[in-house]
Amino acid sequence: VSAHVNGQQATADEIMERFEKQCVPDMARQFPLIKLVEGGDEEEENMTFDSLIYGFPLAMIAIYMVVAAAFNSYIRPMLILSVIPFGMAGAVSGHLFFGQTLSLMSVFGVVAVTGVLVNDAIVLMHSISVRQINRDFMDAVICGSKRRFRAVFLTSVSTMAGLLPLILETNPHIQLLVPMAVSIVGGILFSTVITLILLPV
């Protein structure tokens, strides 16, 4: 949702923010008993965001349990999940770079990029584990990382390239999806380096 304020295009979040800063204080002074209640899309966004706050940690716990069972290890799932904060940092950095405002769609993008990052980390960790059977541990890390470098790199690059046209789209009807694409591209760009370099280290 977007509109034009003072000749410039503004999103619904920006309009609400300006309304709360400029109009609500004056209304509260003139009418002390007035109460501001969020409704409609704003209310639904807040409800969805609240559900994500509880659902996301549960999803992380489920991922940890599944990966721990697959690798028969308690430490390696922690290494795999360690790339997620870097993905979040990349998503926020992407919003700063493209001049986007954080929104609910940005959070959806972070959730989506989490799946991509965990998948890349699992692929890399599995490659190392397979080679550890008949090799020295350090040799297995080096060989496994080299073996899966191309797969992880190409997956990340192709995903970012596919979403770039959406980020550069200027159609007002598409602007709702842009923050989600920015989160995914920023998160993948930042955390792919972490997955390929820091995770093996």
C-alpha atoms as a PDB file:
ATOM      1  CA  VAL A   1       0.000   0.000   0.000  1.00  0.00           C
ATOM      2  CA  SER A   2       1.401   3.375  -0.965  1.00  0.00           C
ATOM      3  CA  ALA A   3       0.267   6.986  -1.380  1.00  0.00           C
ATOM      4  CA  HIS A   4       1.729  10.349  -2.264  1.00  0.00           C
ATOM      5  CA  VAL A   5       2.513  12.799   0.540  1.00  0.00           C
ATOM      6  CA  ASN A   6       3.812  16.262  -0.420  1.00  0.00           C
ATOM      7  CA  GLY A   7       4.457  14.996  -3.930  1.00  0.00           C
ATOM      8  CA  GLN A   8       6.523  12.033  -2.734  1.00  0.00           C
ATOM      9  CA  GLN A   9       5.524   8.377  -2.616  1.00  0.00           C
ATOM     10  CA  ALA A  10       5.057   7.039   0.917  1.00  0.00           C
ATOM     11  CA  THR A  11       4.232   3.580   2.249  1.00  0.00           C
ATOM     12  CA  ALA A  12       1.474   2.792   4.733  1.00  0.00           C
ATOM     13  CA  ASP A  13       4.036   2.413   7.526  1.00  0.00           C
ATOM     14  CA  GLU A  14       5.485   5.846   6.782  1.00  0.00           C
ATOM     15  CA  ILE A  15       2.012   7.403   6.728  1.00  0.00           C
ATOM     16  CA  MET A  16       1.112   5.793  10.067  1.00  0.00           C
ATOM     17  CA  GLU A  17       4.409   6.905  11.590  1.00  0.00           C
ATOM     18  CA  ARG A  18       3.840  10.494  10.463  1.00  0.00           C
ATOM     19  CA  PHE A  19       0.237  10.383  11.716  1.00  0.00           C
ATOM     20  CA  GLU A  20       1.326   9.152  15.160  1.00  0.00           C
ATOM     21  CA  LYS A  21       4.032  11.822  15.443  1.00  0.00           C
ATOM     22  CA  GLN A  22       2.146  14.823  14.067  1.00  0.00           C
ATOM     23  CA  CYS A  23      -1.552  14.238  14.703  1.00  0.00           C
ATOM     24  CA  VAL A  24      -1.912  11.975  17.735  1.00  0.00           C
ATOM     25  CA  PRO A  25      -0.185  14.296  20.282  1.00  0.00           C
ATOM     26  CA  ASP A  26      -2.469  17.234  19.323  1.00  0.00           C
ATOM     27  CA  MET A  27      -5.562  15.033  19.458  1.00  0.00           C
ATOM     28  CA  ALA A  28      -4.512  13.687  22.867  1.00  0.00           C
ATOM     29  CA  ARG A  29      -4.161  17.233  24.240  1.00  0.00           C
ATOM     30  CA  GLN A  30      -7.510  18.379  22.866  1.00  0.00           C
ATOM     31  CA  PHE A  31      -9.370  15.203  23.778  1.00  0.00           C
ATOM     32  CA  PRO A  32      -7.763  13.579  26.870  1.00  0.00           C
ATOM     33  CA  LEU A  33     -10.180  10.633  26.836  1.00  0.00           C
ATOM     34  CA  ILE A  34      -9.456   9.661  23.227  1.00  0.00           C
ATOM     35  CA  LYS A  35      -7.955   6.236  22.642  1.00  0.00           C
ATOM     36  CA  LEU A  36      -6.060   5.157  19.532  1.00  0.00           C
ATOM     37  CA  VAL A  37      -6.871   1.581  18.482  1.00  0.00           C
ATOM     38  CA  GLU A  38      -5.140  -0.146  15.580  1.00  0.00           C
ATOM     39  CA  GLY A  39      -7.378  -2.017  13.187  1.00  0.00           C
ATOM     40  CA  GLY A  40      -7.529  -3.481   9.728  1.00  0.00           C
ATOM     41  CA  ASP A  41      -4.212  -4.312   8.071  1.00  0.00           C
ATOM     42  CA  GLU A  42      -2.239  -2.753  10.930  1.00  0.00           C
ATOM     43  CA  GLU A  43      -3.903  -5.026  13.469  1.00  0.00           C
ATOM     44  CA  GLU A  44      -3.389  -8.107  11.296  1.00  0.00           C
ATOM     45  CA  GLU A  45       0.294  -7.237  10.804  1.00  0.00           C
ATOM     46  CA  ASN A  46       0.831  -6.973  14.554  1.00  0.00           C
ATOM     47  CA  MET A  47      -0.919 -10.305  15.152  1.00  0.00           C
ATOM     48  CA  THR A  48       1.199 -11.974  12.479  1.00  0.00           C
ATOM     49  CA  PHE A  49       4.375 -10.460  13.909  1.00  0.00           C
ATOM     50  CA  ASP A  50       3.470 -11.694  17.409  1.00  0.00           C
ATOM     51  CA  SER A  51       2.943 -15.227  16.086  1.00  0.00           C
ATOM     52  CA  LEU A  52       6.333 -15.127  14.359  1.00  0.00           C
ATOM     53  CA  ILE A  53       8.016 -14.141  17.623  1.00  0.00           C
ATOM     54  CA  TYR A  54       6.819 -17.416  19.165  1.00  0.00           C
ATOM     55  CA  GLY A  55       6.981 -19.566  16.040  1.00  0.00           C
ATOM     56  CA  PHE A  56      10.502 -18.743  14.901  1.00  0.00           C
ATOM     57  CA  PRO A  57      12.277 -20.038  18.055  1.00  0.00           C
ATOM     58  CA  LEU A  58      10.182 -23.211  17.910  1.00  0.00           C
ATOM     59  CA  ALA A  59      11.247 -23.691  14.295  1.00  0.00           C
ATOM     60  CA  MET A  60      14.896 -23.270  15.300  1.00  0.00           C
ATOM     61  CA  ILE A  61      14.490 -25.900  18.022  1.00  0.00           C
ATOM     62  CA  ALA A  62      12.890 -28.292  15.520  1.00  0.00           C
ATOM     63  CA  ILE A  63      15.716 -27.731  13.028  1.00  0.00           C
ATOM     64  CA  TYR A  64      18.290 -28.357  15.755  1.00  0.00           C
ATOM     65  CA  MET A  65      16.652 -31.640  16.768  1.00  0.00           C
ATOM     66  CA  VAL A  66      16.400 -32.919  13.188  1.00  0.00           C
ATOM     67  CA  VAL A  67      19.997 -31.961  12.319  1.00  0.00           C
ATOM     68  CA  ALA A  68      21.303 -33.384  15.610  1.00  0.00           C
ATOM     69  CA  ALA A  69      19.632 -36.701  14.841  1.00  0.00           C
ATOM     70  CA  ALA A  70      20.958 -36.702  11.259  1.00  0.00           C
ATOM     71  CA  PHE A  71      24.573 -35.927  12.217  1.00  0.00           C
ATOM     72  CA  ASN A  72      24.481 -37.768  15.554  1.00  0.00           C
ATOM     73  CA  SER A  73      26.078 -34.711  17.153  1.00  0.00           C
ATOM     74  CA  TYR A  74      25.071 -31.887  19.473  1.00  0.00           C
ATOM     75  CA  ILE A  75      27.803 -29.484  18.350  1.00  0.00           C
ATOM     76  CA  ARG A  76      27.425 -29.515  14.556  1.00  0.00           C
ATOM     77  CA  PRO A  77      23.782 -28.356  14.599  1.00  0.00           C
ATOM     78  CA  MET A  78      24.935 -25.366  16.646  1.00  0.00           C
ATOM     79  CA  LEU A  79      27.539 -24.593  13.975  1.00  0.00           C
ATOM     80  CA  ILE A  80      24.885 -24.814  11.275  1.00  0.00           C
ATOM     81  CA  LEU A  81      22.473 -22.543  13.150  1.00  0.00           C
ATOM     82  CA  SER A  82      25.276 -20.052  13.841  1.00  0.00           C
ATOM     83  CA  VAL A  83      24.973 -18.705  10.275  1.00  0.00           C
ATOM     84  CA  ILE A  84      21.413 -17.444  10.932  1.00  0.00           C
ATOM     85  CA  PRO A  85      22.384 -14.284  12.904  1.00  0.00           C
ATOM     86  CA  PHE A  86      24.712 -13.317  10.062  1.00  0.00           C
ATOM     87  CA  GLY A  87      21.816 -13.705   7.646  1.00  0.00           C
ATOM     88  CA  MET A  88      19.709 -11.385   9.801  1.00  0.00           C
ATOM     89  CA  ALA A  89      22.530  -8.839   9.900  1.00  0.00           C
ATOM     90  CA  GLY A  90      22.800  -9.072   6.114  1.00  0.00           C
ATOM     91  CA  ALA A  91      19.050  -8.513   5.754  1.00  0.00           C
ATOM     92  CA  VAL A  92      19.216  -5.334   7.848  1.00  0.00           C
ATOM     93  CA  SER A  93      22.287  -4.160   5.913  1.00  0.00           C
ATOM     94  CA  GLY A  94      20.424  -4.757   2.665  1.00  0.00           C
ATOM     95  CA  HIS A  95      17.592  -2.491   3.822  1.00  0.00           C
ATOM     96  CA  LEU A  96      20.093   0.247   4.654  1.00  0.00           C
ATOM     97  CA  PHE A  97      21.821  -0.145   1.282  1.00  0.00           C
ATOM     98  CA  PHE A  98      18.621  -0.032  -0.798  1.00  0.00           C
ATOM     99  CA  GLY A  99      16.940   2.577   1.415  1.00  0.00           C
ATOM    100  CA  GLN A 100      14.058   0.318   2.396  1.00  0.00           C
ATOM    101  CA  THR A 101      12.035   0.481   5.597  1.00  0.00           C
ATOM    102  CA  LEU A 102      11.830  -2.637   7.757  1.00  0.00           C
ATOM    103  CA  SER A 103       8.330  -4.117   7.608  1.00  0.00           C
ATOM    104  CA  LEU A 104       6.451  -7.343   8.155  1.00  0.00           C
ATOM    105  CA  MET A 105       7.449  -8.475   4.657  1.00  0.00           C
ATOM    106  CA  SER A 106      11.066  -7.941   5.697  1.00  0.00           C
ATOM    107  CA  VAL A 107      10.529 -10.411   8.535  1.00  0.00           C
ATOM    108  CA  PHE A 108       9.020 -12.917   6.087  1.00  0.00           C
ATOM    109  CA  GLY A 109      12.157 -12.503   3.983  1.00  0.00           C
ATOM    110  CA  VAL A 110      14.347 -13.260   6.997  1.00  0.00           C
ATOM    111  CA  VAL A 111      12.328 -16.424   7.665  1.00  0.00           C
ATOM    112  CA  ALA A 112      12.719 -17.459   4.026  1.00  0.00           C
ATOM    113  CA  VAL A 113      16.457 -16.771   3.928  1.00  0.00           C
ATOM    114  CA  THR A 114      16.902 -18.826   7.100  1.00  0.00           C
ATOM    115  CA  GLY A 115      15.852 -21.944   5.210  1.00  0.00           C
ATOM    116  CA  VAL A 116      18.326 -21.245   2.397  1.00  0.00           C
ATOM    117  CA  LEU A 117      21.198 -20.647   4.825  1.00  0.00           C
ATOM    118  CA  VAL A 118      20.499 -23.753   6.884  1.00  0.00           C
ATOM    119  CA  ASN A 119      20.309 -25.818   3.700  1.00  0.00           C
ATOM    120  CA  ASP A 120      23.688 -24.515   2.462  1.00  0.00           C
ATOM    121  CA  ALA A 121      25.295 -25.146   5.848  1.00  0.00           C
ATOM    122  CA  ILE A 122      23.890 -28.698   6.013  1.00  0.00           C
ATOM    123  CA  VAL A 123      25.204 -29.476   2.521  1.00  0.00           C
ATOM    124  CA  LEU A 124      28.662 -28.243   3.489  1.00  0.00           C
ATOM    125  CA  MET A 125      28.679 -30.011   6.856  1.00  0.00           C
ATOM    126  CA  HIS A 126      27.504 -33.287   5.317  1.00  0.00           C
ATOM    127  CA  SER A 127      30.278 -33.149   2.741  1.00  0.00           C
ATOM    128  CA  ILE A 128      32.823 -32.729   5.530  1.00  0.00           C
ATOM    129  CA  SER A 129      31.308 -35.538   7.621  1.00  0.00           C
ATOM    130  CA  VAL A 130      31.403 -38.020   4.731  1.00  0.00           C
ATOM    131  CA  ARG A 131      35.094 -37.351   4.094  1.00  0.00           C
ATOM    132  CA  GLN A 132      35.960 -37.524   7.766  1.00  0.00           C
ATOM    133  CA  ILE A 133      35.409 -41.312   7.773  1.00  0.00           C
ATOM    134  CA  ASN A 134      38.604 -42.179   5.901  1.00  0.00           C
ATOM    135  CA  ARG A 135      40.609 -38.948   6.304  1.00  0.00           C
ATOM    136  CA  ASP A 136      42.241 -36.776   8.897  1.00  0.00           C
ATOM    137  CA  PHE A 137      39.796 -34.232  10.333  1.00  0.00           C
ATOM    138  CA  MET A 138      41.590 -31.173   8.955  1.00  0.00           C
ATOM    139  CA  ASP A 139      41.950 -32.809   5.552  1.00  0.00           C
ATOM    140  CA  ALA A 140      38.248 -33.692   5.575  1.00  0.00           C
ATOM    141  CA  VAL A 141      37.308 -30.072   6.310  1.00  0.00           C
ATOM    142  CA  ILE A 142      39.452 -28.761   3.457  1.00  0.00           C
ATOM    143  CA  CYS A 143      38.353 -31.370   0.901  1.00  0.00           C
ATOM    144  CA  GLY A 144      34.693 -31.191   1.890  1.00  0.00           C
ATOM    145  CA  SER A 145      34.662 -27.394   1.689  1.00  0.00           C
ATOM    146  CA  LYS A 146      36.300 -27.425  -1.732  1.00  0.00           C
ATOM    147  CA  ARG A 147      33.876 -30.087  -2.943  1.00  0.00           C
ATOM    148  CA  ARG A 148      30.739 -28.111  -2.007  1.00  0.00           C
ATOM    149  CA  PHE A 149      32.030 -24.603  -2.664  1.00  0.00           C
ATOM    150  CA  ARG A 150      30.614 -24.477  -6.192  1.00  0.00           C
ATOM    151  CA  ALA A 151      27.192 -25.823  -5.191  1.00  0.00           C
ATOM    152  CA  VAL A 152      26.730 -23.337  -2.331  1.00  0.00           C
ATOM    153  CA  PHE A 153      28.142 -20.425  -4.339  1.00  0.00           C
ATOM    154  CA  LEU A 154      25.997 -21.043  -7.429  1.00  0.00           C
ATOM    155  CA  THR A 155      22.849 -21.553  -5.349  1.00  0.00           C
ATOM    156  CA  SER A 156      23.399 -18.213  -3.624  1.00  0.00           C
ATOM    157  CA  VAL A 157      24.295 -16.296  -6.784  1.00  0.00           C
ATOM    158  CA  SER A 158      21.357 -17.678  -8.790  1.00  0.00           C
ATOM    159  CA  THR A 159      18.905 -16.834  -5.982  1.00  0.00           C
ATOM    160  CA  MET A 160      20.192 -13.267  -5.699  1.00  0.00           C
ATOM    161  CA  ALA A 161      20.181 -12.797  -9.480  1.00  0.00           C
ATOM    162  CA  GLY A 162      16.605 -14.014  -9.690  1.00  0.00           C
ATOM    163  CA  LEU A 163      15.393 -11.551  -7.045  1.00  0.00           C
ATOM    164  CA  LEU A 164      17.346  -8.520  -8.246  1.00  0.00           C
ATOM    165  CA  PRO A 165      14.743  -7.486 -10.903  1.00  0.00           C
ATOM    166  CA  LEU A 166      12.085  -7.481  -8.168  1.00  0.00           C
ATOM    167  CA  ILE A 167      14.200  -5.184  -5.984  1.00  0.00           C
ATOM    168  CA  LEU A 168      14.743  -2.752  -8.877  1.00  0.00           C
ATOM    169  CA  GLU A 169      11.039  -2.747  -9.836  1.00  0.00           C
ATOM    170  CA  THR A 170       9.428   0.713  -9.562  1.00  0.00           C
ATOM    171  CA  ASN A 171       5.796  -0.341 -10.009  1.00  0.00           C
ATOM    172  CA  PRO A 172       3.859   0.834  -6.897  1.00  0.00           C
ATOM    173  CA  HIS A 173       1.824  -2.397  -6.878  1.00  0.00           C
ATOM    174  CA  ILE A 174       5.027  -4.450  -6.489  1.00  0.00           C
ATOM    175  CA  GLN A 175       6.594  -2.323  -3.734  1.00  0.00           C
ATOM    176  CA  LEU A 176       4.977  -4.468  -1.026  1.00  0.00           C
ATOM    177  CA  LEU A 177       7.228  -7.404  -1.997  1.00  0.00           C
ATOM    178  CA  VAL A 178      10.463  -5.430  -2.302  1.00  0.00           C
ATOM    179  CA  PRO A 179      11.407  -5.543   1.438  1.00  0.00           C
ATOM    180  CA  MET A 180      11.088  -9.338   1.411  1.00  0.00           C
ATOM    181  CA  ALA A 181      13.365  -9.612  -1.629  1.00  0.00           C
ATOM    182  CA  VAL A 182      15.860  -7.209  -0.030  1.00  0.00           C
ATOM    183  CA  SER A 183      15.958  -9.351   3.125  1.00  0.00           C
ATOM    184  CA  ILE A 184      16.633 -12.501   1.114  1.00  0.00           C
ATOM    185  CA  VAL A 185      19.309 -10.968  -1.119  1.00  0.00           C
ATOM    186  CA  GLY A 186      21.061  -9.150   1.720  1.00  0.00           C
ATOM    187  CA  GLY A 187      20.928 -12.172   4.000  1.00  0.00           C
ATOM    188  CA  ILE A 188      22.252 -14.580   1.353  1.00  0.00           C
ATOM    189  CA  LEU A 189      25.004 -12.212   0.193  1.00  0.00           C
ATOM    190  CA  PHE A 190      26.298 -11.637   3.715  1.00  0.00           C
ATOM    191  CA  SER A 191      25.983 -15.149   5.064  1.00  0.00           C
ATOM    192  CA  THR A 192      27.254 -17.047   2.013  1.00  0.00           C
ATOM    193  CA  VAL A 193      30.718 -15.690   2.780  1.00  0.00           C
ATOM    194  CA  ILE A 194      30.263 -16.797   6.385  1.00  0.00           C
ATOM    195  CA  THR A 195      29.088 -20.258   5.322  1.00  0.00           C
ATOM    196  CA  LEU A 196      31.976 -20.834   2.905  1.00  0.00           C
ATOM    197  CA  ILE A 197      34.756 -19.365   5.058  1.00  0.00           C
ATOM    198  CA  LEU A 198      33.839 -19.072   8.747  1.00  0.00           C
ATOM    199  CA  LEU A 199      31.851 -22.314   9.065  1.00  0.00           C
ATOM    200  CA  PRO A 200      34.720 -24.583   7.905  1.00  0.00           C
ATOM    201  CA  VAL A 201      37.130 -22.635  10.121  1.00  0.00           C
END
